Each structure stands twice: as structure tokens, then as C-alpha cells.
Amino acid sequence: MTTAMATAPAPATNERRARLGSFIGTTIEWYDFYLYGTAAALVFPKLFFPSYSPLTGTLLALLTYSAGFIARPLGGIVMGHFGDRIGRKAMLVTSLMVMGVATTLIGVLPTFESIGVWAPILLLAMRIVQGFGVGGEWGGAVLVAVEHAPPTRRGLAGAWPQAGVPAGLLLANGVFMTLTMTLSDAAFMAWGWRVGFLGSAALIAVGLVIRLKMEETPDFRKAKEDGQIAKYPILEVFRTQWRQVLLAIGIKMSQNAIFYVITVFALTYITTVLHLPRSTALIGVLVASAVSLFTLLFAGHLSDLYGRRRVYLIGAVLSGAFAFPFFLLMDTKSSLLIWGSIVISLIFHDLMYGPQAAFMSELFEPELRYTGASVGYQTASLLAGGLSPVLAVLLLGLADNRPWPIALYMVGLSLITVLATVFSPETHRGNRCEGALGSADLHEENPATQTNAKATTSAVA
């Protein structure tokens, strides 16, 4: 009786509320995170590292940007631990608060001119706090959406919090674009850049109201009722599901690195190498982000119809194949071609990122899912996303401002993701079609399959 009730789909209202809450909250969190990335490319080199050459100042600013990624695995471990111990909802509220406070404080930081070396040190500290907050955000947001949905809709449900990423990027770049177009350069550099960071406080208040009304997920409640809560989730993950962690890292690598090359490094490349206006770069990212809101959801839906692996593989192959054309179109200095290259790259990226939430979540058992998925996701974010803008700047300098080594880097990571995807099992709709490792190498059955089998047994009994 208890099993049958636990396996019933969540009410439609809870499912909709979970999608909306995860989408809006994730939008706010990633607005905070990407606001820093935009400022690191366009503002921080001059205000916090003014005594260096433009390229060196940009590199140092991007290193503080990368520091946020160093803290992300720690945030994933800590919040994953409590998310698997006390619930998904509490960690979503906590991550939103941590992120919001750090972002607001960046808006009041004094610059190098005022306090010298303490300015970049404080900036670095706030970025690390940001990284810790966002490290715990993703796992909670996607699990709330995925675990409230039935197996036949988990790809689309998981794509909703993923769509919060381009929404946050759209909002962050939109704020910078508006300020750039309405203020003089002097006013923008003096105080205008702070507006977006200070505005985070109001957005956080809205997000908290929405998240406090959300319900705990059925999968977590079921694990708690059955006494399956692990005392030390991180130890259990590495003891019993380390293969899934490695696969999650692999399938994340290309998607994450390519995304930050497109949305962060491209801003630097367009303004400092091609010597085009900031608005050219920002418009391209804005248009691509708006398109991505829809292509992410569509890709998630496709993974429900045709499988996670198939859609993901197509995205990884196309992303790698487009790496060289991406820079060739950039180098034309045509605004339309630059915008087109950014849009096309992000569409190919979305074929991976749309199904990713459901794909990675379904690799892990429910009682270890928050920790396992977060560790895999955030470790790859550190290795690929956090380092990619910095590596891109270094490679650009070594190649005398020629981008071909960066394109080669993107191709190499795409190959890693292709291999990891091939070795992963198919998970959609509770299906466990074997990957190159075979499904038995992971765990015996998908949670959805186990659940359906138990429900069938109960019905027969």
C-alpha cells in the first residue's frame, strides 16, 4: 500500500510549482554569477587591476572569475550532503541566500584606487562565496524539477531549471547593455556597473518567496520513509557510485567549456582582439540567450522522446565540429555573422545542456542523487568551465592573437564528452539500455525501473 502510494505521480500543481520555482530561482542565481563574468571581461581589469597591461589585467580578472569555480565542488559536497540528509528544499533556500548576499556586497566594494591591493582580495573572497552558493544550487534545482515529474517527462522538467541559465545570462547582459547605452563611459565605470550587483537584493527577495512555497520531492520523501537516508552521502557516493561520478564529469566537460568560451571569452575576444564595441559582443550573447530559452526546453523534450544519449551525442559532435567555423565567423568582424556564430554555437550546446539535468540525475540512486550529481557537475565545472576563459586568453597570447588553439581545445573536450556519453547507460523512461560499460557496471536498475517493478509486485499481491 505504501509503495503504491509512493510511486504515484506528484500532483500536477506540485509539478508546475516545482518547474516554476526552480526556473525563477535558478535565473536569479545565474544572473548573479554571470553578472560577475560580464564585469570580469569588461570592467574589473580597469578598476581592480589597473597597474597591468590590458591583456594581463583581463587575465587576472578572469582568474578571480575562475576562483568561483574552485568553490563550486565544495558547495556541491556540503549542500549535497544536507540535501540528501534533510531535503532538497532547504538547500535551495540556503544557496539563494548565500549567492544574493555575496553579489550585493560586490556592488559596494571599493576599487583599487581607494584601498589598493585589498580591493582585488575582497573581490576574490566574494567570488569564492558566490561559487560556493551556486555549487549547491544546481543539484537542488534540477532535482526538485525532475523528481516531481513522471519518468516520461523528466527530460523536459529538468530542462526548466537549465533554462534559468540563459535567462540569468540574458538578464545580466541586458543590465550591462542598458547601462552601457544610457550612461557615458565615465559614469559607467564610476558607478553604473554597481547597479546590477545591488539590484540582486530585490531579486533574491522574490526568489525566496517562491522557493519557500515549494514542496519537498516525492523521491526524497520515499527514501526517508524507507529509512534509506545515508549518514555520510559523499562517502557512499565514492564507495558505490564512483563510476557514475566519472561519467557525469565526462559528459559535462565539453558543454561547460564551450559555453564559457562563447559567453565570457568571446566578450574579451570581440573587444580586445577584434576591437569592436562592447555592444557588439553583448547583443550577440543577448540574442543567443533568448533563443536558448526555447532550444533548451525543446532539447529536453527530445530526450524524452528519443533518449538522453542520442540527443546528447548529437550536441557534442556538432559543438566540436563548429569550433573552427565559430572563430572564422568572428574574424569577419561582421556584426551579423558574429551574432550568428554565437547563436549557432549555443543551439548546439543546448542539445547537451537541455537533457543534462535528467541524464545526470538518473545516473544516481535517489538517496545519493543530490551529492552524486552535484559532485560530478561541479567538478567538471571547475576543470572545464572555470579554466576555459583563462586558458583561452593564455592560448590566444601564445598564438599571437590567433584563435586556432582555442578551437582545437574545444574539439578535444568534445571528444571527451562523446566518449563519456557512449560509455553511459540510457536512462530515459526508466530504460537501462547498455552503454559501452554495460548497465550492470553502474547499478542494477534505474530507480524508476525499481519503482515500477515494486508497484507491479504490490498490485499482483
Protein backbone atom coordinates (compact mmCIF):
# COMPACT_ATOMS: atom_id res chain seq x y z
CA MET A 1 0.00 0.00 0.00
CA THR A 2 2.74 2.43 0.99
CA THR A 3 4.81 1.56 -2.10
CA ALA A 4 1.89 2.07 -4.46
CA MET A 5 1.15 5.46 -2.97
CA ALA A 6 4.80 6.50 -3.14
CA THR A 7 5.05 5.61 -6.81
CA ALA A 8 2.03 7.68 -7.85
CA PRO A 9 2.93 10.77 -9.85
CA ALA A 10 3.12 14.07 -8.00
CA PRO A 11 0.01 16.27 -8.35
CA ALA A 12 0.08 18.49 -11.41
CA THR A 13 0.09 21.62 -9.26
CA ASN A 14 3.22 20.49 -7.42
CA GLU A 15 4.91 19.64 -10.70
CA ARG A 16 4.15 23.07 -12.16
CA ARG A 17 5.20 24.83 -8.97
CA ALA A 18 8.46 22.87 -8.92
CA ARG A 19 9.23 23.82 -12.54
CA LEU A 20 8.43 27.48 -11.97
CA GLY A 21 10.25 27.70 -8.64
CA SER A 22 13.38 26.02 -9.94
CA PHE A 23 13.37 28.13 -13.11
CA ILE A 24 12.92 31.50 -11.38
CA GLY A 25 15.33 30.75 -8.56
CA THR A 26 17.96 29.44 -10.96
CA THR A 27 17.52 32.51 -13.16
CA ILE A 28 18.29 34.75 -10.18
CA GLU A 29 21.28 32.70 -9.07
CA TRP A 30 22.82 32.62 -12.53
CA TYR A 31 22.10 36.31 -13.04
CA ASP A 32 24.35 36.89 -10.04
CA PHE A 33 27.01 34.50 -11.31
CA TYR A 34 27.09 35.80 -14.90
CA LEU A 35 26.94 39.42 -13.86
CA TYR A 36 30.38 38.85 -12.40
CA GLY A 37 31.58 37.15 -15.60
CA THR A 38 30.48 40.10 -17.73
CA ALA A 39 32.08 42.58 -15.34
CA ALA A 40 35.28 40.50 -15.25
CA ALA A 41 35.56 40.80 -19.02
CA LEU A 42 34.55 44.45 -19.36
CA VAL A 43 35.02 46.35 -16.06
CA PHE A 44 37.18 44.70 -13.39
CA PRO A 45 40.50 44.80 -15.32
CA LYS A 46 40.47 48.62 -15.21
CA LEU A 47 39.02 49.08 -11.72
CA PHE A 48 40.67 46.30 -9.73
CA PHE A 49 43.85 45.58 -11.75
CA PRO A 50 44.72 48.99 -13.27
CA SER A 51 48.51 48.76 -12.99
CA TYR A 52 48.79 45.94 -15.55
CA SER A 53 48.58 45.80 -19.34
CA PRO A 54 45.07 45.30 -20.77
CA LEU A 55 45.70 41.62 -21.54
CA THR A 56 47.30 40.90 -18.14
CA GLY A 57 44.56 42.81 -16.32
CA THR A 58 41.92 40.81 -18.16
CA LEU A 59 43.72 37.59 -17.31
CA LEU A 60 43.86 38.49 -13.61
CA ALA A 61 40.18 39.48 -13.60
CA LEU A 62 39.28 36.18 -15.25
CA LEU A 63 41.36 34.34 -12.65
CA THR A 64 39.13 35.80 -9.92
CA TYR A 65 36.20 34.69 -12.08
CA SER A 66 37.65 31.18 -12.16
CA ALA A 67 38.03 31.19 -8.36
CA GLY A 68 34.27 30.92 -8.11
CA PHE A 69 34.52 27.57 -9.87
CA ILE A 70 37.06 26.31 -7.34
CA ALA A 71 34.46 26.74 -4.60
CA ARG A 72 31.69 25.08 -6.58
CA PRO A 73 32.64 21.44 -5.84
CA LEU A 74 32.83 22.31 -2.13
CA GLY A 75 29.37 23.89 -2.30
CA GLY A 76 28.12 20.80 -4.13
CA ILE A 77 29.55 18.47 -1.47
CA VAL A 78 28.29 20.44 1.54
CA MET A 79 24.83 21.22 0.20
CA GLY A 80 24.60 17.82 -1.45
CA HIS A 81 25.25 16.23 1.95
CA PHE A 82 22.43 18.14 3.60
CA GLY A 83 20.22 17.89 0.52
CA ASP A 84 20.42 14.10 0.75
CA ARG A 85 20.08 14.20 4.55
CA ILE A 86 17.38 16.80 5.29
CA GLY A 87 15.85 17.58 1.90
CA ARG A 88 16.16 19.46 -1.38
CA LYS A 89 14.04 22.49 -0.47
CA ALA A 90 16.14 23.70 2.49
CA MET A 91 19.30 23.76 0.39
CA LEU A 92 17.61 25.70 -2.40
CA VAL A 93 16.71 28.45 0.07
CA THR A 94 20.21 28.43 1.58
CA SER A 95 22.02 28.62 -1.77
CA LEU A 96 19.87 31.55 -2.87
CA MET A 97 20.68 33.49 0.32
CA VAL A 98 24.43 32.82 0.09
CA MET A 99 24.56 33.88 -3.53
CA GLY A 100 22.46 37.00 -3.02
CA VAL A 101 24.48 38.36 -0.10
CA ALA A 102 27.80 37.89 -1.91
CA THR A 103 26.56 39.54 -5.11
CA THR A 104 25.10 42.54 -3.29
CA LEU A 105 28.36 43.08 -1.39
CA ILE A 106 30.32 43.15 -4.67
CA GLY A 107 28.18 46.16 -5.58
CA VAL A 108 29.62 48.18 -2.66
CA LEU A 109 33.27 47.08 -2.89
CA PRO A 110 35.85 49.89 -3.07
CA THR A 111 38.16 49.76 -6.08
CA PHE A 112 41.97 49.55 -6.30
CA GLU A 113 42.19 53.35 -6.41
CA SER A 114 40.57 53.55 -2.95
CA ILE A 115 42.13 50.72 -0.94
CA GLY A 116 44.87 49.28 -3.14
CA VAL A 117 45.54 45.57 -3.09
CA TRP A 118 42.68 44.88 -0.66
CA ALA A 119 40.21 45.62 -3.46
CA PRO A 120 41.05 42.55 -5.60
CA ILE A 121 41.41 40.44 -2.42
CA LEU A 122 37.87 41.32 -1.31
CA LEU A 123 36.60 40.79 -4.84
CA LEU A 124 38.18 37.34 -4.84
CA ALA A 125 36.59 36.49 -1.47
CA MET A 126 33.11 37.44 -2.67
CA ARG A 127 33.60 35.43 -5.83
CA ILE A 128 34.50 32.35 -3.79
CA VAL A 129 31.33 32.77 -1.72
CA GLN A 130 29.35 33.09 -4.96
CA GLY A 131 30.89 29.87 -6.21
CA PHE A 132 30.02 28.03 -3.00
CA GLY A 133 26.38 29.14 -3.32
CA VAL A 134 25.96 28.22 -6.96
CA GLY A 135 27.73 24.90 -6.29
CA GLY A 136 24.81 23.79 -4.19
CA GLU A 137 22.16 25.43 -6.34
CA TRP A 138 22.19 23.26 -9.43
CA GLY A 139 21.67 19.91 -7.72
CA GLY A 140 18.72 21.13 -5.68
CA ALA A 141 17.05 22.99 -8.52
CA VAL A 142 17.18 20.16 -11.03
CA LEU A 143 16.15 17.51 -8.50
CA VAL A 144 13.12 19.49 -7.41
CA ALA A 145 12.03 19.70 -11.05
CA VAL A 146 13.00 16.15 -12.10
CA GLU A 147 11.77 14.32 -9.01
CA HIS A 148 8.35 15.95 -9.17
CA ALA A 149 7.86 14.78 -12.77
CA PRO A 150 6.91 11.30 -14.05
CA PRO A 151 9.66 9.38 -15.93
CA THR A 152 8.10 10.22 -19.32
CA ARG A 153 8.54 13.98 -18.73
CA ARG A 154 11.75 14.20 -16.72
CA GLY A 155 13.84 15.44 -19.64
CA LEU A 156 11.56 18.42 -20.20
CA ALA A 157 11.09 19.02 -16.47
CA GLY A 158 14.85 19.06 -15.91
CA ALA A 159 15.30 21.47 -18.80
CA TRP A 160 13.31 24.17 -16.95
CA PRO A 161 16.00 24.94 -14.35
CA GLN A 162 18.57 24.62 -17.16
CA ALA A 163 16.65 27.34 -18.99
CA GLY A 164 17.25 29.53 -15.95
CA VAL A 165 20.89 29.72 -17.05
CA PRO A 166 20.30 31.61 -20.34
CA ALA A 167 17.57 33.58 -18.60
CA GLY A 168 20.09 34.69 -15.97
CA LEU A 169 22.66 35.37 -18.68
CA LEU A 170 20.08 37.35 -20.65
CA LEU A 171 19.21 39.38 -17.57
CA ALA A 172 22.86 40.03 -16.61
CA ASN A 173 23.93 41.06 -20.10
CA GLY A 174 20.71 43.03 -20.55
CA VAL A 175 21.51 45.07 -17.44
CA PHE A 176 25.05 45.76 -18.67
CA MET A 177 23.79 46.56 -22.15
CA THR A 178 21.23 49.04 -20.83
CA LEU A 179 23.76 50.74 -18.59
CA THR A 180 26.33 50.87 -21.39
CA MET A 181 23.87 52.53 -23.77
CA THR A 182 22.39 55.01 -21.28
CA LEU A 183 25.49 56.15 -19.40
CA SER A 184 28.71 57.76 -20.50
CA ASP A 185 31.84 55.64 -20.20
CA ALA A 186 32.96 57.74 -17.23
CA ALA A 187 29.67 57.32 -15.37
CA PHE A 188 29.50 53.62 -16.17
CA MET A 189 33.00 52.98 -14.82
CA ALA A 190 32.47 55.27 -11.81
CA TRP A 191 29.19 53.83 -10.50
CA GLY A 192 26.99 52.41 -13.26
CA TRP A 193 28.50 48.90 -13.14
CA ARG A 194 27.43 48.63 -9.48
CA VAL A 195 23.71 48.92 -10.24
CA GLY A 196 23.31 45.35 -11.43
CA PHE A 197 25.02 43.91 -8.35
CA LEU A 198 22.97 46.00 -5.91
CA GLY A 199 19.76 45.09 -7.75
CA SER A 200 20.37 41.46 -6.82
CA ALA A 201 18.96 42.11 -3.34
CA ALA A 202 15.45 42.72 -4.73
CA LEU A 203 15.61 39.66 -6.97
CA ILE A 204 16.68 37.44 -4.07
CA ALA A 205 13.63 38.53 -2.06
CA VAL A 206 11.35 37.46 -4.93
CA GLY A 207 13.14 34.13 -5.27
CA LEU A 208 12.88 33.36 -1.56
CA VAL A 209 9.11 33.90 -1.53
CA ILE A 210 8.71 31.44 -4.42
CA ARG A 211 11.05 28.77 -3.05
CA LEU A 212 9.57 28.79 0.44
CA LYS A 213 6.23 27.75 -1.08
CA MET A 214 7.67 24.70 -2.86
CA GLU A 215 7.04 21.12 -1.68
CA GLU A 216 9.69 18.53 -0.86
CA THR A 217 10.15 15.99 -3.67
CA PRO A 218 8.38 12.58 -3.68
CA ASP A 219 11.66 10.71 -4.26
CA PHE A 220 13.28 12.20 -1.15
CA ARG A 221 10.18 11.60 0.97
CA LYS A 222 10.12 7.99 -0.21
CA ALA A 223 13.81 7.47 0.63
CA LYS A 224 13.21 8.95 4.08
CA GLU A 225 10.14 6.80 4.74
CA ASP A 226 12.09 3.68 3.73
CA GLY A 227 15.00 4.55 6.02
CA GLN A 228 17.43 4.86 3.10
CA ILE A 229 18.99 8.18 4.12
CA ALA A 230 22.79 7.83 4.10
CA LYS A 231 24.70 9.10 7.13
CA TYR A 232 27.63 10.29 5.00
CA PRO A 233 26.37 10.64 1.40
CA ILE A 234 29.73 11.74 -0.04
CA LEU A 235 31.46 8.60 1.28
CA GLU A 236 28.70 6.39 -0.07
CA VAL A 237 28.88 8.07 -3.47
CA PHE A 238 32.60 7.43 -3.83
CA ARG A 239 32.29 3.92 -2.42
CA THR A 240 29.37 2.66 -4.52
CA GLN A 241 28.78 5.08 -7.42
CA TRP A 242 32.20 6.42 -8.38
CA ARG A 243 31.73 5.25 -11.98
CA GLN A 244 28.66 7.45 -12.30
CA VAL A 245 30.65 10.41 -10.94
CA LEU A 246 33.33 9.92 -13.60
CA LEU A 247 30.72 9.62 -16.34
CA ALA A 248 28.94 12.75 -15.10
CA ILE A 249 32.24 14.68 -15.20
CA GLY A 250 32.93 13.46 -18.74
CA ILE A 251 29.53 14.30 -20.19
CA LYS A 252 29.73 17.78 -18.64
CA MET A 253 33.22 18.75 -19.88
CA SER A 254 32.55 19.88 -23.45
CA GLN A 255 29.22 21.53 -22.70
CA ASN A 256 30.64 23.60 -19.87
CA ALA A 257 33.89 24.70 -21.50
CA ILE A 258 32.28 25.64 -24.80
CA PHE A 259 29.56 27.60 -23.03
CA TYR A 260 32.06 29.83 -21.21
CA VAL A 261 34.16 30.31 -24.32
CA ILE A 262 31.01 31.53 -26.08
CA THR A 263 29.61 33.72 -23.31
CA VAL A 264 32.68 35.02 -21.43
CA PHE A 265 35.85 34.70 -23.52
CA ALA A 266 34.04 35.87 -26.66
CA LEU A 267 33.37 39.20 -24.93
CA THR A 268 37.10 39.64 -24.42
CA TYR A 269 37.97 38.45 -27.94
CA ILE A 270 35.49 40.76 -29.64
CA THR A 271 36.50 43.87 -27.67
CA THR A 272 40.29 43.43 -27.26
CA VAL A 273 41.33 41.45 -30.36
CA LEU A 274 38.75 42.46 -32.97
CA HIS A 275 38.49 45.98 -31.43
CA LEU A 276 34.72 46.10 -31.79
CA PRO A 277 32.35 47.90 -29.37
CA ARG A 278 31.14 46.23 -26.15
CA SER A 279 27.62 46.41 -27.56
CA THR A 280 28.52 44.07 -30.43
CA ALA A 281 29.54 41.34 -28.00
CA LEU A 282 26.66 41.93 -25.60
CA ILE A 283 23.99 41.92 -28.33
CA GLY A 284 25.27 38.60 -29.65
CA VAL A 285 25.06 36.99 -26.21
CA LEU A 286 21.64 38.55 -25.59
CA VAL A 287 20.17 37.21 -28.84
CA ALA A 288 21.69 33.76 -28.29
CA SER A 289 20.39 33.64 -24.71
CA ALA A 290 16.87 34.50 -25.85
CA VAL A 291 16.96 31.71 -28.44
CA SER A 292 18.43 29.32 -25.88
CA LEU A 293 15.41 29.72 -23.60
CA PHE A 294 13.40 27.75 -26.16
CA THR A 295 16.02 25.40 -27.60
CA LEU A 296 16.90 24.09 -24.12
CA LEU A 297 13.30 23.11 -23.43
CA PHE A 298 12.98 21.58 -26.89
CA ALA A 299 16.18 19.54 -26.38
CA GLY A 300 14.88 18.28 -23.04
CA HIS A 301 11.64 17.24 -24.71
CA LEU A 302 13.55 15.47 -27.49
CA SER A 303 15.41 13.46 -24.87
CA ASP A 304 12.07 12.25 -23.51
CA LEU A 305 11.10 11.08 -26.99
CA TYR A 306 14.36 9.66 -28.34
CA GLY A 307 16.63 9.14 -25.35
CA ARG A 308 19.20 11.17 -23.43
CA ARG A 309 22.28 9.66 -25.06
CA ARG A 310 21.17 10.17 -28.65
CA VAL A 311 20.35 13.86 -28.25
CA TYR A 312 23.43 14.46 -26.13
CA LEU A 313 25.77 12.82 -28.64
CA ILE A 314 24.42 14.94 -31.48
CA GLY A 315 25.06 18.08 -29.44
CA ALA A 316 28.61 17.05 -28.52
CA VAL A 317 29.55 16.18 -32.11
CA LEU A 318 28.07 19.37 -33.58
CA SER A 319 29.70 21.55 -30.90
CA GLY A 320 33.13 20.13 -31.67
CA ALA A 321 32.61 20.38 -35.42
CA PHE A 322 31.62 24.06 -35.18
CA ALA A 323 34.63 25.18 -33.10
CA PHE A 324 36.74 26.36 -36.05
CA PRO A 325 33.82 27.90 -38.01
CA PHE A 326 32.87 29.79 -34.82
CA PHE A 327 36.11 31.78 -34.87
CA LEU A 328 36.20 32.10 -38.66
CA LEU A 329 32.81 33.85 -38.49
CA MET A 330 34.02 36.01 -35.60
CA ASP A 331 37.07 37.14 -37.55
CA THR A 332 34.93 38.58 -40.34
CA LYS A 333 34.13 41.44 -37.92
CA SER A 334 30.62 41.45 -39.36
CA SER A 335 28.14 42.01 -36.55
CA LEU A 336 25.53 39.76 -38.16
CA LEU A 337 27.98 36.91 -38.66
CA ILE A 338 29.34 37.29 -35.14
CA TRP A 339 25.83 37.15 -33.71
CA GLY A 340 25.02 34.18 -35.92
CA SER A 341 28.10 32.28 -34.77
CA ILE A 342 27.19 32.80 -31.11
CA VAL A 343 23.57 31.71 -31.69
CA ILE A 344 24.53 28.57 -33.63
CA SER A 345 27.13 27.57 -31.04
CA LEU A 346 24.65 27.95 -28.21
CA ILE A 347 21.99 25.90 -30.05
CA PHE A 348 24.44 23.01 -30.45
CA HIS A 349 25.39 23.45 -26.78
CA ASP A 350 21.72 23.27 -25.78
CA LEU A 351 21.37 19.79 -27.26
CA MET A 352 23.66 18.74 -24.42
CA TYR A 353 22.55 21.08 -21.66
CA GLY A 354 18.80 20.56 -22.15
CA PRO A 355 18.80 16.79 -21.36
CA GLN A 356 21.71 17.06 -18.92
CA ALA A 357 19.70 17.54 -15.71
CA ALA A 358 17.62 14.41 -16.21
CA PHE A 359 20.56 12.44 -17.67
CA MET A 360 22.89 13.12 -14.75
CA SER A 361 20.20 12.81 -12.08
CA GLU A 362 19.05 9.42 -13.36
CA LEU A 363 22.59 8.04 -13.14
CA PHE A 364 22.36 8.07 -9.33
CA GLU A 365 20.13 6.42 -6.74
CA PRO A 366 17.61 8.83 -5.09
CA GLU A 367 19.22 8.71 -1.63
CA LEU A 368 22.60 9.81 -3.07
CA ARG A 369 21.39 11.83 -6.04
CA TYR A 370 21.93 15.37 -4.75
CA THR A 371 25.52 14.61 -3.71
CA GLY A 372 26.45 12.43 -6.69
CA ALA A 373 25.05 14.69 -9.39
CA SER A 374 26.42 17.83 -7.72
CA VAL A 375 29.94 16.44 -7.33
CA GLY A 376 30.07 15.29 -10.96
CA TYR A 377 28.59 18.52 -12.29
CA GLN A 378 30.64 20.93 -10.18
CA THR A 379 33.95 19.07 -10.60
CA ALA A 380 33.56 19.31 -14.36
CA SER A 381 32.61 22.98 -13.97
CA LEU A 382 35.91 23.57 -12.18
CA LEU A 383 38.00 21.60 -14.68
CA ALA A 384 36.30 22.91 -17.82
CA GLY A 385 34.14 25.96 -17.20
CA GLY A 386 36.29 27.75 -14.63
CA LEU A 387 39.53 27.31 -16.53
CA SER A 388 38.31 27.74 -20.10
CA PRO A 389 38.25 31.58 -20.24
CA VAL A 390 41.69 31.74 -18.61
CA LEU A 391 43.14 29.04 -20.87
CA ALA A 392 41.59 30.74 -23.87
CA VAL A 393 43.32 34.04 -23.01
CA LEU A 394 46.64 32.23 -22.47
CA LEU A 395 46.33 30.30 -25.73
CA LEU A 396 45.43 33.48 -27.54
CA GLY A 397 48.57 35.20 -26.25
CA LEU A 398 50.79 32.25 -27.14
CA ALA A 399 49.39 32.16 -30.69
CA ASP A 400 49.79 35.92 -31.32
CA ASN A 401 46.04 36.59 -31.09
CA ARG A 402 45.14 33.73 -33.42
CA PRO A 403 42.24 31.63 -32.10
CA TRP A 404 43.00 28.23 -33.66
CA PRO A 405 44.47 26.71 -30.42
CA ILE A 406 41.24 27.61 -28.63
CA ALA A 407 39.18 25.89 -31.31
CA LEU A 408 41.42 22.83 -31.00
CA TYR A 409 40.87 22.86 -27.23
CA MET A 410 37.10 22.88 -27.80
CA VAL A 411 37.37 19.92 -30.19
CA GLY A 412 39.43 17.94 -27.68
CA LEU A 413 36.90 18.40 -24.90
CA SER A 414 34.08 17.45 -27.28
CA LEU A 415 35.82 14.13 -27.89
CA ILE A 416 35.97 13.51 -24.13
CA THR A 417 32.23 14.16 -23.85
CA VAL A 418 31.44 11.92 -26.81
CA LEU A 419 33.33 9.04 -25.18
CA ALA A 420 31.70 9.59 -21.77
CA THR A 421 28.25 9.66 -23.37
CA VAL A 422 28.91 6.46 -25.28
CA PHE A 423 30.01 4.75 -22.05
CA SER A 424 26.90 5.98 -20.17
CA PRO A 425 23.69 3.93 -19.98
CA GLU A 426 20.46 5.20 -21.50
CA THR A 427 18.23 6.29 -18.62
CA HIS A 428 15.10 7.89 -20.04
CA ARG A 429 11.70 6.44 -19.11
CA GLY A 430 13.39 4.04 -16.71
CA ASN A 431 15.12 2.33 -19.63
CA ARG A 432 18.60 0.91 -18.95
CA CYS A 433 19.92 0.23 -22.44
CA GLU A 434 23.59 -0.64 -22.09
CA GLY A 435 26.33 1.84 -22.82
CA ALA A 436 29.86 0.73 -23.61
CA LEU A 437 30.32 -0.19 -19.95
CA GLY A 438 27.06 -2.12 -19.76
CA SER A 439 24.31 -1.19 -17.34
CA ALA A 440 25.47 -3.76 -14.80
CA ASP A 441 28.67 -1.80 -14.32
CA LEU A 442 26.68 1.05 -12.81
CA HIS A 443 23.84 -0.23 -10.70
CA GLU A 444 21.34 -2.92 -11.36
CA GLU A 445 18.33 -0.85 -12.24
CA ASN A 446 17.24 2.70 -12.69
CA PRO A 447 15.23 3.97 -9.69
CA ALA A 448 12.21 4.38 -11.94
CA THR A 449 12.52 0.76 -13.07
CA GLN A 450 12.81 -0.46 -9.49
CA THR A 451 9.82 1.63 -8.53
CA ASN A 452 7.67 0.30 -11.37
CA ALA A 453 8.67 -3.27 -10.57
CA LYS A 454 7.77 -2.84 -6.92
CA ALA A 455 4.45 -1.27 -7.83
CA THR A 456 3.67 -4.19 -10.15
CA THR A 457 4.55 -6.70 -7.45
CA SER A 458 2.32 -4.91 -4.94
CA ALA A 459 -0.58 -4.87 -7.40
CA VAL A 460 -0.25 -8.59 -8.12
CA ALA A 461 -0.06 -9.37 -4.43
